Amino acid sequence: MIEVFVTVNYKDRKYHTNVIVEKEMTWDYIKRIAEEQVKKQWNS
């Protein structure tokens, strides 16, 4: 497992989040997880 720091654009703002994934994960999958995390945080 590795920790990846990602910048996500959400509602015209940039948010930094970290994602813990396995080394074999593709960038598209990591990006999708990060976007979902930011959306969950702001919709809670």
PDB file of N, CA and C in Angstrom:
ATOM      1  N   MET A   1       0.845  -1.177   0.000  1.00  0.00           N
ATOM      2  CA  MET A   1       0.000   0.000   0.000  1.00  0.00           C
ATOM      3  C   MET A   1       0.891   1.242   0.000  1.00  0.00           C
ATOM      4  N   ILE A   2       0.441   2.251  -0.726  1.00  0.00           N
ATOM      5  CA  ILE A   2       1.155   3.524  -0.761  1.00  0.00           C
ATOM      6  C   ILE A   2       0.164   4.660  -0.545  1.00  0.00           C
ATOM      7  N   GLU A   3       0.675   5.782  -0.108  1.00  0.00           N
ATOM      8  CA  GLU A   3      -0.148   6.967   0.080  1.00  0.00           C
ATOM      9  C   GLU A   3       0.166   7.935  -1.048  1.00  0.00           C
ATOM     10  N   VAL A   4      -0.883   8.394  -1.734  1.00  0.00           N
ATOM     11  CA  VAL A   4      -0.728   9.299  -2.864  1.00  0.00           C
ATOM     12  C   VAL A   4      -1.475  10.584  -2.545  1.00  0.00           C
ATOM     13  N   PHE A   5      -0.841  11.729  -2.766  1.00  0.00           N
ATOM     14  CA  PHE A   5      -1.482  13.018  -2.574  1.00  0.00           C
ATOM     15  C   PHE A   5      -1.992  13.512  -3.917  1.00  0.00           C
ATOM     16  N   VAL A   6      -3.269  13.919  -3.949  1.00  0.00           N
ATOM     17  CA  VAL A   6      -3.920  14.285  -5.200  1.00  0.00           C
ATOM     18  C   VAL A   6      -4.598  15.641  -5.038  1.00  0.00           C
ATOM     19  N   THR A   7      -4.538  16.459  -6.080  1.00  0.00           N
ATOM     20  CA  THR A   7      -5.285  17.712  -6.120  1.00  0.00           C
ATOM     21  C   THR A   7      -6.510  17.483  -6.992  1.00  0.00           C
ATOM     22  N   VAL A   8      -7.680  17.820  -6.450  1.00  0.00           N
ATOM     23  CA  VAL A   8      -8.948  17.575  -7.139  1.00  0.00           C
ATOM     24  C   VAL A   8      -9.665  18.900  -7.344  1.00  0.00           C
ATOM     25  N   ASN A   9     -10.192  19.124  -8.540  1.00  0.00           N
ATOM     26  CA  ASN A   9     -11.043  20.281  -8.788  1.00  0.00           C
ATOM     27  C   ASN A   9     -12.486  19.888  -8.503  1.00  0.00           C
ATOM     28  N   TYR A  10     -13.130  20.663  -7.635  1.00  0.00           N
ATOM     29  CA  TYR A  10     -14.527  20.390  -7.297  1.00  0.00           C
ATOM     30  C   TYR A  10     -15.227  21.717  -7.072  1.00  0.00           C
ATOM     31  N   LYS A  11     -16.270  21.952  -7.838  1.00  0.00           N
ATOM     32  CA  LYS A  11     -17.029  23.204  -7.777  1.00  0.00           C
ATOM     33  C   LYS A  11     -16.106  24.413  -7.933  1.00  0.00           C
ATOM     34  N   ASP A  12     -15.261  24.349  -8.957  1.00  0.00           N
ATOM     35  CA  ASP A  12     -14.330  25.428  -9.319  1.00  0.00           C
ATOM     36  C   ASP A  12     -13.333  25.782  -8.218  1.00  0.00           C
ATOM     37  N   ARG A  13     -13.037  24.843  -7.335  1.00  0.00           N
ATOM     38  CA  ARG A  13     -12.029  25.046  -6.298  1.00  0.00           C
ATOM     39  C   ARG A  13     -11.101  23.840  -6.287  1.00  0.00           C
ATOM     40  N   LYS A  14      -9.879  24.030  -5.835  1.00  0.00           N
ATOM     41  CA  LYS A  14      -8.910  22.943  -5.768  1.00  0.00           C
ATOM     42  C   LYS A  14      -8.823  22.440  -4.330  1.00  0.00           C
ATOM     43  N   TYR A  15      -8.847  21.131  -4.179  1.00  0.00           N
ATOM     44  CA  TYR A  15      -8.743  20.501  -2.870  1.00  0.00           C
ATOM     45  C   TYR A  15      -7.631  19.465  -2.914  1.00  0.00           C
ATOM     46  N   HIS A  16      -6.874  19.392  -1.835  1.00  0.00           N
ATOM     47  CA  HIS A  16      -5.816  18.395  -1.710  1.00  0.00           C
ATOM     48  C   HIS A  16      -6.334  17.276  -0.823  1.00  0.00           C
ATOM     49  N   THR A  17      -6.134  16.050  -1.268  1.00  0.00           N
ATOM     50  CA  THR A  17      -6.545  14.893  -0.484  1.00  0.00           C
ATOM     51  C   THR A  17      -5.502  13.796  -0.639  1.00  0.00           C
ATOM     52  N   ASN A  18      -5.491  12.882   0.286  1.00  0.00           N
ATOM     53  CA  ASN A  18      -4.579  11.748   0.162  1.00  0.00           C
ATOM     54  C   ASN A  18      -5.395  10.476   0.016  1.00  0.00           C
ATOM     55  N   VAL A  19      -4.840   9.543  -0.727  1.00  0.00           N
ATOM     56  CA  VAL A  19      -5.505   8.275  -1.008  1.00  0.00           C
ATOM     57  C   VAL A  19      -4.509   7.163  -0.723  1.00  0.00           C
ATOM     58  N   ILE A  20      -4.941   6.152  -0.018  1.00  0.00           N
ATOM     59  CA  ILE A  20      -4.089   4.995   0.244  1.00  0.00           C
ATOM     60  C   ILE A  20      -4.543   3.881  -0.689  1.00  0.00           C
ATOM     61  N   VAL A  21      -3.642   3.476  -1.581  1.00  0.00           N
ATOM     62  CA  VAL A  21      -3.974   2.486  -2.611  1.00  0.00           C
ATOM     63  C   VAL A  21      -2.836   1.479  -2.735  1.00  0.00           C
ATOM     64  N   GLU A  22      -3.095   0.448  -3.499  1.00  0.00           N
ATOM     65  CA  GLU A  22      -2.050  -0.525  -3.793  1.00  0.00           C
ATOM     66  C   GLU A  22      -1.211  -0.016  -4.961  1.00  0.00           C
ATOM     67  N   LYS A  23       0.033  -0.427  -5.010  1.00  0.00           N
ATOM     68  CA  LYS A  23       0.969   0.064  -6.020  1.00  0.00           C
ATOM     69  C   LYS A  23       0.501  -0.194  -7.443  1.00  0.00           C
ATOM     70  N   GLU A  24      -0.266  -1.243  -7.649  1.00  0.00           N
ATOM     71  CA  GLU A  24      -0.678  -1.625  -8.999  1.00  0.00           C
ATOM     72  C   GLU A  24      -1.841  -0.806  -9.552  1.00  0.00           C
ATOM     73  N   MET A  25      -2.440   0.053  -8.737  1.00  0.00           N
ATOM     74  CA  MET A  25      -3.613   0.822  -9.172  1.00  0.00           C
ATOM     75  C   MET A  25      -3.232   1.818 -10.263  1.00  0.00           C
ATOM     76  N   THR A  26      -4.134   2.008 -11.211  1.00  0.00           N
ATOM     77  CA  THR A  26      -3.887   2.960 -12.297  1.00  0.00           C
ATOM     78  C   THR A  26      -4.187   4.371 -11.810  1.00  0.00           C
ATOM     79  N   TRP A  27      -3.612   5.350 -12.509  1.00  0.00           N
ATOM     80  CA  TRP A  27      -3.825   6.748 -12.144  1.00  0.00           C
ATOM     81  C   TRP A  27      -5.306   7.115 -12.246  1.00  0.00           C
ATOM     82  N   ASP A  28      -6.015   6.604 -13.253  1.00  0.00           N
ATOM     83  CA  ASP A  28      -7.439   6.905 -13.408  1.00  0.00           C
ATOM     84  C   ASP A  28      -8.233   6.428 -12.190  1.00  0.00           C
ATOM     85  N   TYR A  29      -7.918   5.262 -11.689  1.00  0.00           N
ATOM     86  CA  TYR A  29      -8.613   4.717 -10.520  1.00  0.00           C
ATOM     87  C   TYR A  29      -8.309   5.551  -9.273  1.00  0.00           C
ATOM     88  N   ILE A  30      -7.052   5.923  -9.103  1.00  0.00           N
ATOM     89  CA  ILE A  30      -6.656   6.748  -7.950  1.00  0.00           C
ATOM     90  C   ILE A  30      -7.371   8.092  -7.994  1.00  0.00           C
ATOM     91  N   LYS A  31      -7.406   8.686  -9.167  1.00  0.00           N
ATOM     92  CA  LYS A  31      -8.066   9.986  -9.343  1.00  0.00           C
ATOM     93  C   LYS A  31      -9.559   9.888  -9.021  1.00  0.00           C
ATOM     94  N   ARG A  32     -10.187   8.815  -9.451  1.00  0.00           N
ATOM     95  CA  ARG A  32     -11.613   8.619  -9.191  1.00  0.00           C
ATOM     96  C   ARG A  32     -11.884   8.487  -7.695  1.00  0.00           C
ATOM     97  N   ILE A  33     -11.047   7.739  -6.995  1.00  0.00           N
ATOM     98  CA  ILE A  33     -11.194   7.582  -5.546  1.00  0.00           C
ATOM     99  C   ILE A  33     -11.051   8.938  -4.855  1.00  0.00           C
ATOM    100  N   ALA A  34     -10.059   9.727  -5.266  1.00  0.00           N
ATOM    101  CA  ALA A  34      -9.836  11.042  -4.670  1.00  0.00           C
ATOM    102  C   ALA A  34     -11.031  11.957  -4.889  1.00  0.00           C
ATOM    103  N   GLU A  35     -11.584  11.949  -6.095  1.00  0.00           N
ATOM    104  CA  GLU A  35     -12.760  12.778  -6.388  1.00  0.00           C
ATOM    105  C   GLU A  35     -13.950  12.361  -5.533  1.00  0.00           C
ATOM    106  N   GLU A  36     -14.149  11.060  -5.365  1.00  0.00           N
ATOM    107  CA  GLU A  36     -15.251  10.576  -4.537  1.00  0.00           C
ATOM    108  C   GLU A  36     -15.080  10.996  -3.078  1.00  0.00           C
ATOM    109  N   GLN A  37     -13.839  10.964  -2.583  1.00  0.00           N
ATOM    110  CA  GLN A  37     -13.569  11.377  -1.205  1.00  0.00           C
ATOM    111  C   GLN A  37     -13.938  12.839  -0.997  1.00  0.00           C
ATOM    112  N   VAL A  38     -13.543  13.702  -1.936  1.00  0.00           N
ATOM    113  CA  VAL A  38     -13.840  15.133  -1.804  1.00  0.00           C
ATOM    114  C   VAL A  38     -15.348  15.363  -1.870  1.00  0.00           C
ATOM    115  N   LYS A  39     -16.024  14.696  -2.776  1.00  0.00           N
ATOM    116  CA  LYS A  39     -17.477  14.858  -2.900  1.00  0.00           C
ATOM    117  C   LYS A  39     -18.185  14.411  -1.624  1.00  0.00           C
ATOM    118  N   LYS A  40     -17.767  13.288  -1.054  1.00  0.00           N
ATOM    119  CA  LYS A  40     -18.377  12.801   0.190  1.00  0.00           C
ATOM    120  C   LYS A  40     -18.171  13.792   1.328  1.00  0.00           C
ATOM    121  N   GLN A  41     -16.984  14.371   1.377  1.00  0.00           N
ATOM    122  CA  GLN A  41     -16.683  15.320   2.457  1.00  0.00           C
ATOM    123  C   GLN A  41     -17.601  16.543   2.369  1.00  0.00           C
ATOM    124  N   TRP A  42     -17.834  17.058   1.185  1.00  0.00           N
ATOM    125  CA  TRP A  42     -18.634  18.269   1.042  1.00  0.00           C
ATOM    126  C   TRP A  42     -20.129  18.003   1.004  1.00  0.00           C
ATOM    127  N   ASN A  43     -20.539  16.779   0.788  1.00  0.00           N
ATOM    128  CA  ASN A  43     -21.967  16.454   0.781  1.00  0.00           C
ATOM    129  C   ASN A  43     -22.445  15.928   2.130  1.00  0.00           C
ATOM    130  N   SER A  44     -21.552  15.832   3.087  1.00  0.00           N
ATOM    131  CA  SER A  44     -21.935  15.339   4.420  1.00  0.00           C
ATOM    132  C   SER A  44     -22.444  16.466   5.285  1.00  0.00           C
TER     133      SER A  44
END
